[in-house]
Amino acid sequence: MSRRRKPEELRSHRWFGASDMRQFGHHSRAAQMGYSRRDYLGKPIIAIINTWSDINACHAHFRQRAEEVKRGVLQAGGFPLEMPAIALAEVFQKPTTMLYRNLLALETEELLRSYPVDGAVLMGGCDKTTPALLMGAISMNLPAIFMPAGPMLRGNWRDQPLGSGSDVWKYWAEKRAGNVSDEQWARPGIA
């Protein structure tokens, strides 16, 4: 079990612990955002790297989860700062999200490097965001916890549960074979 760090041992102390003009500016800007010194001073500042976006159905619940993570960080004695990161929405992003995985890894590393954070909660969950977030945090060598999105939410068609990606191929083949009409395809509630 590791010991709790003294405030002056925290990485964020470089931004908030010195007594110089830069430190004054950092406190001033934090005050502009509505934070008082007692909110963050001497506490580990925890970045919440969140890949939520309106276009990413896999991470739709992360808006609420980020707020829950913030409460947990506060309850544990830290100070949470949510930092959005690029969303990789596989079904919409063309030609493929693989082109952007390394960009997310770089963004994660640089968010952690350039801001006054002592650790991170990484919020992702697909086969691209998971390694990207982890690669970025590992490269930065800060304590981090990965919070997966969990399985993709499933849907129903004709009162049958659908797999999140597998059934699309089966029903597309049925449509191409003429067993599913254009109207049924466009309006899934029609039997």
Protein backbone atom coordinates (compact mmCIF):
# COMPACT_ATOMS: atom_id res chain seq x y z
CA MET A 1 0.00 0.00 0.00
CA SER A 2 1.44 3.36 -0.98
CA ARG A 3 1.51 6.24 1.44
CA ARG A 4 -0.49 9.41 0.94
CA ARG A 5 1.67 12.14 -0.56
CA LYS A 6 2.30 15.40 1.20
CA PRO A 7 0.83 18.44 -0.60
CA GLU A 8 4.29 19.65 -1.64
CA GLU A 9 4.99 16.23 -3.23
CA LEU A 10 2.02 16.48 -5.57
CA ARG A 11 2.72 17.26 -9.20
CA SER A 12 0.05 19.99 -9.10
CA HIS A 13 2.13 21.78 -6.45
CA ARG A 14 4.25 23.14 -9.33
CA TRP A 15 1.19 25.14 -10.46
CA PHE A 16 -0.35 26.07 -7.14
CA GLY A 17 2.27 25.72 -4.40
CA ALA A 18 4.94 28.23 -5.33
CA SER A 19 4.81 31.84 -4.24
CA ASP A 20 5.46 33.66 -7.51
CA MET A 21 3.66 35.50 -10.29
CA ARG A 22 2.75 32.31 -12.22
CA GLN A 23 1.22 30.75 -9.12
CA PHE A 24 -0.79 33.92 -8.52
CA GLY A 25 -2.10 33.69 -12.09
CA HIS A 26 -3.08 30.03 -11.64
CA HIS A 27 -5.02 30.82 -8.46
CA SER A 28 -6.61 33.82 -10.14
CA ARG A 29 -7.83 31.75 -13.09
CA ALA A 30 -9.13 29.01 -10.80
CA ALA A 31 -11.06 31.68 -8.89
CA GLN A 32 -12.54 32.90 -12.18
CA MET A 33 -13.90 29.38 -12.70
CA GLY A 34 -15.59 29.53 -9.31
CA TYR A 35 -13.09 27.54 -7.24
CA SER A 36 -11.65 28.70 -3.96
CA ARG A 37 -8.16 27.69 -2.86
CA ARG A 38 -9.60 25.35 -0.24
CA ASP A 39 -11.32 23.41 -3.04
CA TYR A 40 -8.02 22.24 -4.56
CA LEU A 41 -4.98 23.41 -2.60
CA GLY A 42 -3.04 20.52 -1.09
CA LYS A 43 -5.36 17.93 -2.63
CA PRO A 44 -4.53 15.57 -5.48
CA ILE A 45 -6.03 16.96 -8.67
CA ILE A 46 -7.60 14.16 -10.66
CA ALA A 47 -8.25 14.55 -14.38
CA ILE A 48 -11.33 12.82 -15.68
CA ILE A 49 -10.53 12.16 -19.33
CA ASN A 50 -13.94 11.68 -20.91
CA THR A 51 -14.54 10.49 -24.49
CA TRP A 52 -18.25 11.31 -24.36
CA SER A 53 -19.83 13.02 -27.35
CA ASP A 54 -23.32 13.33 -28.80
CA ILE A 55 -22.27 11.23 -31.80
CA ASN A 56 -20.93 8.28 -29.81
CA ALA A 57 -23.78 6.01 -28.74
CA CYS A 58 -21.36 3.65 -26.95
CA HIS A 59 -20.49 6.37 -24.47
CA ALA A 60 -23.91 8.07 -24.20
CA HIS A 61 -24.11 7.40 -20.46
CA PHE A 62 -20.71 9.01 -19.75
CA ARG A 63 -22.25 12.45 -19.12
CA GLN A 64 -23.88 11.05 -15.99
CA ARG A 65 -20.95 8.77 -15.11
CA ALA A 66 -18.51 11.72 -15.19
CA GLU A 67 -20.60 13.49 -12.56
CA GLU A 68 -20.60 10.34 -10.43
CA VAL A 69 -16.82 10.01 -10.79
CA LYS A 70 -16.43 13.66 -9.73
CA ARG A 71 -18.45 12.97 -6.57
CA GLY A 72 -16.29 9.94 -5.82
CA VAL A 73 -13.07 11.93 -6.26
CA LEU A 74 -14.38 14.64 -3.93
CA GLN A 75 -15.43 12.04 -1.34
CA ALA A 76 -11.95 10.51 -1.49
CA GLY A 77 -10.36 13.89 -0.76
CA GLY A 78 -9.26 14.84 -4.26
CA PHE A 79 -10.24 17.61 -6.63
CA PRO A 80 -11.76 16.46 -9.97
CA LEU A 81 -11.34 18.24 -13.29
CA GLU A 82 -13.19 16.82 -16.27
CA MET A 83 -11.27 17.07 -19.53
CA PRO A 84 -13.04 16.05 -22.74
CA ALA A 85 -11.03 14.13 -25.30
CA ILE A 86 -11.69 13.26 -28.92
CA ALA A 87 -14.60 10.88 -29.38
CA LEU A 88 -14.06 7.88 -31.62
CA ALA A 89 -17.50 6.81 -32.85
CA GLU A 90 -16.80 3.70 -34.94
CA VAL A 91 -20.16 3.57 -36.72
CA PHE A 92 -20.00 7.19 -37.93
CA GLN A 93 -16.32 8.03 -38.33
CA LYS A 94 -14.90 7.39 -41.78
CA PRO A 95 -12.86 5.77 -43.06
CA THR A 96 -12.07 4.17 -39.68
CA THR A 97 -11.45 5.19 -36.09
CA MET A 98 -8.13 3.36 -36.24
CA LEU A 99 -6.70 6.46 -37.94
CA TYR A 100 -7.50 8.47 -34.82
CA ARG A 101 -6.58 6.05 -32.04
CA ASN A 102 -3.02 7.35 -31.81
CA LEU A 103 -4.29 10.93 -31.89
CA LEU A 104 -6.38 10.15 -28.79
CA ALA A 105 -3.34 8.54 -27.14
CA LEU A 106 -1.28 11.67 -27.84
CA GLU A 107 -4.09 13.93 -26.65
CA THR A 108 -4.43 11.94 -23.42
CA GLU A 109 -0.71 12.11 -22.73
CA GLU A 110 -0.58 15.85 -23.43
CA LEU A 111 -3.68 16.62 -21.34
CA LEU A 112 -2.01 14.87 -18.42
CA ARG A 113 1.39 16.46 -19.10
CA SER A 114 0.33 20.04 -19.68
CA TYR A 115 -2.22 20.52 -16.89
CA PRO A 116 -1.80 20.47 -13.10
CA VAL A 117 -3.01 16.92 -12.51
CA ASP A 118 -1.73 14.23 -10.17
CA GLY A 119 -3.72 11.26 -11.48
CA ALA A 120 -6.52 10.37 -13.86
CA VAL A 121 -9.74 8.49 -14.38
CA LEU A 122 -9.89 7.39 -18.02
CA MET A 123 -13.39 7.00 -19.45
CA GLY A 124 -13.58 5.02 -22.69
CA GLY A 125 -14.67 1.64 -23.76
CA CYS A 126 -14.31 0.47 -27.34
CA ASP A 127 -11.45 -1.31 -29.03
CA LYS A 128 -9.89 2.05 -29.99
CA THR A 129 -10.53 4.32 -26.97
CA THR A 130 -9.43 1.73 -24.44
CA PRO A 131 -5.86 1.28 -25.76
CA ALA A 132 -5.58 4.97 -26.70
CA LEU A 133 -6.42 6.22 -23.21
CA LEU A 134 -4.20 3.62 -21.57
CA MET A 135 -1.27 4.30 -23.91
CA GLY A 136 -1.49 8.03 -23.18
CA ALA A 137 -1.65 7.59 -19.41
CA ILE A 138 1.13 5.00 -19.37
CA SER A 139 3.36 7.28 -21.44
CA MET A 140 2.76 10.06 -18.94
CA ASN A 141 3.45 7.71 -16.02
CA LEU A 142 0.75 9.09 -13.74
CA PRO A 143 -1.55 7.00 -11.54
CA ALA A 144 -4.67 6.22 -13.56
CA ILE A 145 -7.80 4.13 -13.34
CA PHE A 146 -9.66 3.01 -16.46
CA MET A 147 -13.46 3.11 -16.30
CA PRO A 148 -14.91 1.10 -19.18
CA ALA A 149 -18.17 2.06 -20.82
CA GLY A 150 -19.43 -1.49 -20.50
CA PRO A 151 -21.18 -3.41 -23.25
CA MET A 152 -22.90 -1.50 -26.02
CA LEU A 153 -26.61 -1.13 -25.37
CA ARG A 154 -28.69 -3.54 -27.41
CA GLY A 155 -31.94 -2.95 -29.24
CA ASN A 156 -34.97 -5.05 -30.13
CA TRP A 157 -36.60 -5.94 -33.43
CA ARG A 158 -39.85 -7.86 -33.72
CA ASP A 159 -39.75 -8.23 -29.92
CA GLN A 160 -36.42 -10.04 -30.15
CA PRO A 161 -33.22 -8.75 -28.52
CA LEU A 162 -30.53 -7.75 -30.97
CA GLY A 163 -26.79 -8.08 -30.62
CA SER A 164 -25.06 -4.70 -30.66
CA GLY A 165 -23.28 -5.39 -33.93
CA SER A 166 -23.70 -9.03 -34.88
CA ASP A 167 -27.38 -9.08 -35.87
CA VAL A 168 -26.98 -6.29 -38.42
CA TRP A 169 -25.19 -8.74 -40.73
CA LYS A 170 -27.89 -11.39 -40.34
CA TYR A 171 -30.76 -8.99 -41.02
CA TRP A 172 -28.92 -7.29 -43.88
CA ALA A 173 -28.60 -10.71 -45.51
CA GLU A 174 -32.35 -11.24 -44.88
CA LYS A 175 -33.12 -7.89 -46.53
CA ARG A 176 -30.93 -8.70 -49.53
CA ALA A 177 -32.71 -12.06 -49.83
CA GLY A 178 -36.10 -10.29 -49.90
CA ASN A 179 -37.25 -11.62 -46.51
CA VAL A 180 -37.27 -8.12 -44.98
CA SER A 181 -39.00 -5.33 -46.92
CA ASP A 182 -37.67 -1.79 -47.32
CA GLU A 183 -40.51 -0.57 -45.10
CA GLN A 184 -39.65 -3.08 -42.37
CA TRP A 185 -35.99 -2.12 -42.61
CA ALA A 186 -36.75 1.61 -42.35
CA ARG A 187 -39.33 1.21 -39.58
CA PRO A 188 -38.15 -1.58 -37.26
CA GLY A 189 -41.45 -1.79 -35.35
CA ILE A 190 -43.27 -3.22 -38.38
CA ALA A 191 -43.50 -7.00 -38.32
